[in-house]
Amino acid sequence: MHGLERDWKDKVQFFHVNFRSPAGKELGRRFDVEHLPGLVLVDATGQVQWRLGIGLPRRAEIESRLAKLV
């Protein structure tokens, strides 16, 4: 994701999910992922703090939202 994982690896955890697998389908339901690609930012307590709508956000928007979580 545009180098985000490399740049933020010491601050946040990234998980890649195959939403076609049984476990991925369950996670998709749990976090209300309706569109692919899906991006959900979850805080340390497991609460969704931001969810990607339709389309891809700019890197700056993702980094701004990540900064609010750390």
N, C-alpha and C. Protein backbone atom coordinates (compact mmCIF):
# COMPACT_ATOMS: atom_id res chain seq x y z
N MET A 1 0.83 -1.19 0.00
CA MET A 1 0.00 0.00 0.00
C MET A 1 0.87 1.25 0.00
N HIS A 2 1.49 1.51 -1.13
CA HIS A 2 2.25 2.74 -1.32
C HIS A 2 3.35 2.92 -0.28
N GLY A 3 3.93 1.85 0.22
CA GLY A 3 5.00 1.95 1.21
C GLY A 3 4.52 2.19 2.63
N LEU A 4 3.21 2.22 2.85
CA LEU A 4 2.69 2.48 4.19
C LEU A 4 3.16 1.43 5.19
N GLU A 5 3.13 0.18 4.80
CA GLU A 5 3.54 -0.87 5.72
C GLU A 5 4.99 -0.68 6.15
N ARG A 6 5.83 -0.37 5.20
CA ARG A 6 7.25 -0.15 5.51
C ARG A 6 7.41 1.04 6.44
N ASP A 7 6.73 2.13 6.14
CA ASP A 7 6.91 3.37 6.90
C ASP A 7 6.25 3.35 8.27
N TRP A 8 5.22 2.54 8.45
CA TRP A 8 4.47 2.52 9.71
C TRP A 8 4.66 1.23 10.50
N LYS A 9 5.54 0.34 10.06
CA LYS A 9 5.65 -0.99 10.65
C LYS A 9 5.96 -0.99 12.15
N ASP A 10 6.62 0.04 12.66
CA ASP A 10 6.94 0.09 14.08
C ASP A 10 5.81 0.66 14.93
N LYS A 11 4.76 1.13 14.28
CA LYS A 11 3.68 1.79 15.01
C LYS A 11 2.34 1.07 14.92
N VAL A 12 2.08 0.42 13.80
CA VAL A 12 0.80 -0.26 13.60
C VAL A 12 1.03 -1.64 12.98
N GLN A 13 0.05 -2.51 13.12
CA GLN A 13 0.09 -3.82 12.49
C GLN A 13 -0.81 -3.82 11.28
N PHE A 14 -0.31 -4.40 10.20
CA PHE A 14 -1.09 -4.53 8.97
C PHE A 14 -1.44 -6.00 8.78
N PHE A 15 -2.64 -6.26 8.37
CA PHE A 15 -3.08 -7.62 8.07
C PHE A 15 -3.68 -7.64 6.68
N HIS A 16 -3.27 -8.61 5.90
CA HIS A 16 -3.86 -8.80 4.58
C HIS A 16 -4.83 -9.98 4.70
N VAL A 17 -6.03 -9.80 4.23
CA VAL A 17 -7.07 -10.81 4.38
C VAL A 17 -7.59 -11.21 3.01
N ASN A 18 -7.66 -12.49 2.79
CA ASN A 18 -8.29 -13.02 1.58
C ASN A 18 -9.78 -13.17 1.90
N PHE A 19 -10.59 -12.25 1.40
CA PHE A 19 -12.01 -12.24 1.72
C PHE A 19 -12.80 -13.33 1.02
N ARG A 20 -12.11 -14.14 0.23
CA ARG A 20 -12.77 -15.28 -0.40
C ARG A 20 -12.63 -16.55 0.43
N SER A 21 -11.71 -16.53 1.39
CA SER A 21 -11.53 -17.70 2.26
C SER A 21 -12.62 -17.69 3.33
N PRO A 22 -12.89 -18.84 3.96
CA PRO A 22 -13.91 -18.87 5.03
C PRO A 22 -13.59 -17.89 6.16
N ALA A 23 -12.34 -17.86 6.60
CA ALA A 23 -11.97 -16.94 7.69
C ALA A 23 -12.09 -15.49 7.22
N GLY A 24 -11.69 -15.22 5.98
CA GLY A 24 -11.79 -13.88 5.44
C GLY A 24 -13.23 -13.42 5.31
N LYS A 25 -14.11 -14.33 4.90
CA LYS A 25 -15.53 -13.98 4.80
C LYS A 25 -16.09 -13.61 6.17
N GLU A 26 -15.68 -14.35 7.20
CA GLU A 26 -16.13 -14.05 8.55
C GLU A 26 -15.63 -12.68 9.01
N LEU A 27 -14.36 -12.39 8.75
CA LEU A 27 -13.83 -11.07 9.11
C LEU A 27 -14.54 -9.97 8.33
N GLY A 28 -14.82 -10.22 7.07
CA GLY A 28 -15.55 -9.25 6.27
C GLY A 28 -16.91 -8.93 6.86
N ARG A 29 -17.60 -9.96 7.33
CA ARG A 29 -18.90 -9.75 7.99
C ARG A 29 -18.72 -8.99 9.30
N ARG A 30 -17.72 -9.39 10.08
CA ARG A 30 -17.50 -8.77 11.39
C ARG A 30 -17.21 -7.27 11.27
N PHE A 31 -16.42 -6.92 10.24
CA PHE A 31 -16.03 -5.53 10.08
C PHE A 31 -16.78 -4.82 8.96
N ASP A 32 -17.88 -5.41 8.51
CA ASP A 32 -18.75 -4.79 7.51
C ASP A 32 -18.01 -4.34 6.25
N VAL A 33 -17.14 -5.19 5.74
CA VAL A 33 -16.45 -4.89 4.49
C VAL A 33 -17.40 -5.23 3.35
N GLU A 34 -17.81 -4.20 2.62
CA GLU A 34 -18.77 -4.39 1.55
C GLU A 34 -18.15 -4.28 0.17
N HIS A 35 -16.98 -3.64 0.08
CA HIS A 35 -16.34 -3.41 -1.20
C HIS A 35 -14.88 -3.82 -1.12
N LEU A 36 -14.36 -4.28 -2.24
CA LEU A 36 -12.94 -4.61 -2.32
C LEU A 36 -12.28 -3.68 -3.31
N PRO A 37 -11.10 -3.17 -3.04
CA PRO A 37 -10.33 -3.51 -1.86
C PRO A 37 -10.95 -2.88 -0.62
N GLY A 38 -10.74 -3.54 0.50
CA GLY A 38 -11.27 -3.05 1.76
C GLY A 38 -10.15 -2.57 2.65
N LEU A 39 -10.39 -1.53 3.37
CA LEU A 39 -9.42 -1.01 4.33
C LEU A 39 -10.19 -0.60 5.57
N VAL A 40 -9.83 -1.20 6.69
CA VAL A 40 -10.49 -0.90 7.96
C VAL A 40 -9.41 -0.59 8.97
N LEU A 41 -9.50 0.54 9.65
CA LEU A 41 -8.57 0.87 10.71
C LEU A 41 -9.25 0.56 12.04
N VAL A 42 -8.60 -0.29 12.81
CA VAL A 42 -9.14 -0.77 14.07
C VAL A 42 -8.18 -0.36 15.18
N ASP A 43 -8.71 0.18 16.28
CA ASP A 43 -7.84 0.58 17.38
C ASP A 43 -7.44 -0.63 18.23
N ALA A 44 -6.66 -0.38 19.26
CA ALA A 44 -6.13 -1.45 20.10
C ALA A 44 -7.21 -2.22 20.83
N THR A 45 -8.40 -1.65 20.98
CA THR A 45 -9.48 -2.35 21.67
C THR A 45 -10.37 -3.14 20.71
N GLY A 46 -10.04 -3.07 19.40
CA GLY A 46 -10.83 -3.80 18.41
C GLY A 46 -11.99 -3.01 17.84
N GLN A 47 -12.06 -1.73 18.16
CA GLN A 47 -13.14 -0.89 17.66
C GLN A 47 -12.75 -0.27 16.31
N VAL A 48 -13.65 -0.33 15.36
CA VAL A 48 -13.39 0.27 14.05
C VAL A 48 -13.37 1.79 14.21
N GLN A 49 -12.29 2.40 13.75
CA GLN A 49 -12.14 3.85 13.81
C GLN A 49 -12.34 4.52 12.45
N TRP A 50 -12.15 3.75 11.39
CA TRP A 50 -12.35 4.29 10.05
C TRP A 50 -12.47 3.14 9.08
N ARG A 51 -13.30 3.34 8.08
CA ARG A 51 -13.54 2.31 7.07
C ARG A 51 -13.50 2.97 5.70
N LEU A 52 -12.81 2.33 4.78
CA LEU A 52 -12.75 2.82 3.41
C LEU A 52 -14.11 2.66 2.77
N GLY A 53 -14.57 3.71 2.13
CA GLY A 53 -15.80 3.63 1.36
C GLY A 53 -15.47 3.06 -0.02
N ILE A 54 -16.07 3.58 -1.00
CA ILE A 54 -15.79 3.15 -2.37
C ILE A 54 -14.65 4.00 -2.91
N GLY A 55 -13.73 3.35 -3.60
CA GLY A 55 -12.58 4.05 -4.17
C GLY A 55 -11.37 3.95 -3.26
N LEU A 56 -10.26 4.41 -3.76
CA LEU A 56 -9.02 4.35 -3.00
C LEU A 56 -8.68 5.73 -2.45
N PRO A 57 -8.40 5.81 -1.15
CA PRO A 57 -8.04 7.11 -0.57
C PRO A 57 -6.59 7.45 -0.92
N ARG A 58 -6.26 8.70 -0.81
CA ARG A 58 -4.88 9.12 -1.00
C ARG A 58 -4.05 8.69 0.20
N ARG A 59 -2.77 8.50 -0.03
CA ARG A 59 -1.86 8.10 1.04
C ARG A 59 -1.94 9.09 2.21
N ALA A 60 -1.99 10.37 1.92
CA ALA A 60 -2.03 11.38 2.99
C ALA A 60 -3.25 11.19 3.89
N GLU A 61 -4.37 10.82 3.32
CA GLU A 61 -5.57 10.60 4.13
C GLU A 61 -5.38 9.39 5.05
N ILE A 62 -4.83 8.32 4.52
CA ILE A 62 -4.59 7.13 5.34
C ILE A 62 -3.61 7.46 6.46
N GLU A 63 -2.53 8.16 6.13
CA GLU A 63 -1.53 8.49 7.16
C GLU A 63 -2.11 9.41 8.23
N SER A 64 -2.97 10.32 7.84
CA SER A 64 -3.61 11.20 8.82
C SER A 64 -4.45 10.39 9.79
N ARG A 65 -5.18 9.42 9.26
CA ARG A 65 -6.03 8.59 10.12
C ARG A 65 -5.19 7.65 10.98
N LEU A 66 -4.09 7.14 10.44
CA LEU A 66 -3.19 6.30 11.24
C LEU A 66 -2.60 7.11 12.39
N ALA A 67 -2.19 8.34 12.11
CA ALA A 67 -1.59 9.19 13.13
C ALA A 67 -2.55 9.44 14.29
N LYS A 68 -3.83 9.52 14.01
CA LYS A 68 -4.82 9.72 15.07
C LYS A 68 -4.95 8.49 15.96
N LEU A 69 -4.60 7.32 15.43
CA LEU A 69 -4.73 6.09 16.21
C LEU A 69 -3.53 5.79 17.09
N VAL A 70 -2.36 6.31 16.73
CA VAL A 70 -1.15 5.96 17.50
C VAL A 70 -0.80 6.99 18.53
